[in-house]
Amino acid sequence: MPFNHAQRLISRACMGILFALLVACTSQTALPTPTTLPTHTPTLLLPTMTPEPSATPTPTEVLTEVPTLFPTNPVPDPSGAWFPAPPVRHARAAHAVVSTGDAIYALAGTDDNRRPVIEVERFDGTTWTVETTLPGDGLNAPAAVFLDNRIYLIGGFKTTTNSPTDEVLLYDLNTQTWSNAAPLPNPRGGHAAVAFDGKIHVVGGGNSQRTLEDHSVYDPATDTWTDLAPLPRAKGSPSAVVFEGVLYVLGGRSGPNDFGETHRYNPETDSWEEGPAISPLGTAGAVDYCNTIYVFGGESQERDIALNEVLRLNLPHQVWELAPPMPTARAPPAGPTSPRPR
């Protein structure tokens, strides 16, 4: 059964996008013996939407009366800890989030009334500000990447039609203006994207007919796309992260099946290899943090729930272990998956 849309929303009242970060920067050699992970044989289909565009905001709106976000001198703690952060101004799901180094941006998605959210919000560590609005009528499940002081908003599903797009929007932080980069080789949504060696790698996702194994790379110097070695398996809603110079693709799903593979890309041989398996899930968030990889939340199709689990890669043992869970279960910004293949 599909998830209730509101269950996947990121609650303004609770945590915004839950930038309540783990304070757990410890040497991997000091990590405890890995905790046994629960076994999941973990669907989420894109909801049928007839959205109505939300009102155009005033770009200078800011959140007032913001509580203190970060401790003055956070102390590394092996057990980790969560603390609340200011909520976003507009609750949203199926959106994209990207860090620019000194700020975090939330883009696209839909609200709890299934209307497209076109406001682009910027978080500077203390305050959320509506900086600009998206061109067009809104997107579900795009991917966002920061590279060379620009934010690339890649693909996604048009919220008015649920049809996948090949459009790549480019937001210049210097001029605060939008333009278009070369379109994707194929329309898609529910994919993952990362900046890697000065280029943008886009993997997986889906369109109206099938789940994709495509691995497409964008070169900003030439404004062109190249297809490289495809994923070993077609998958929508995977997670992707670059860690220690290696591109990792984690989890994902197709139709009713969630996957637990970790795939690592070798650019020298243009090939993929298996990494340590993870609990089967889709739509999770993944970050390079504190000298390892963390995977946050996601959805289990088998259990029909959003997850609050946090997984951490134990480097010495090359296994995933449980870290302190999120206070609220959620399917993170990657949003819904690709449609069920026909």
Foldseek 3Di string as FASTA:
>chain_A
DAAQPVQFKDDQVFAAQQPQDWQAQDDLVPADDFDDDDAAQFAHFDDDDQADADDDDDQFDKDPPWDQQDDPDRDHDNQIDGDGGHHAPAIFAQWEWEDPPQKIKIAFGAGSVLHIDFFIWIGRNTMITRHHGHPDRTFGQWYWEDAPQKIKTAWGARSNPRFIFQWIWIAHNVVRDIDTFDGHPDGFGQWYWYQAPQKIWIAWGAGPAFTDQWIWIAHPVVSDIDTFDGHPDGFGQWEWEAAPRWIWTAWGHAARGIAFWIWIADPVVSDIDTAATGHGFGLWYWYCPSRWIKTAWGGTHVVNHIAQWIWTQSVVVRYIHTHDGHPRGHRHNSGHGYHHHD
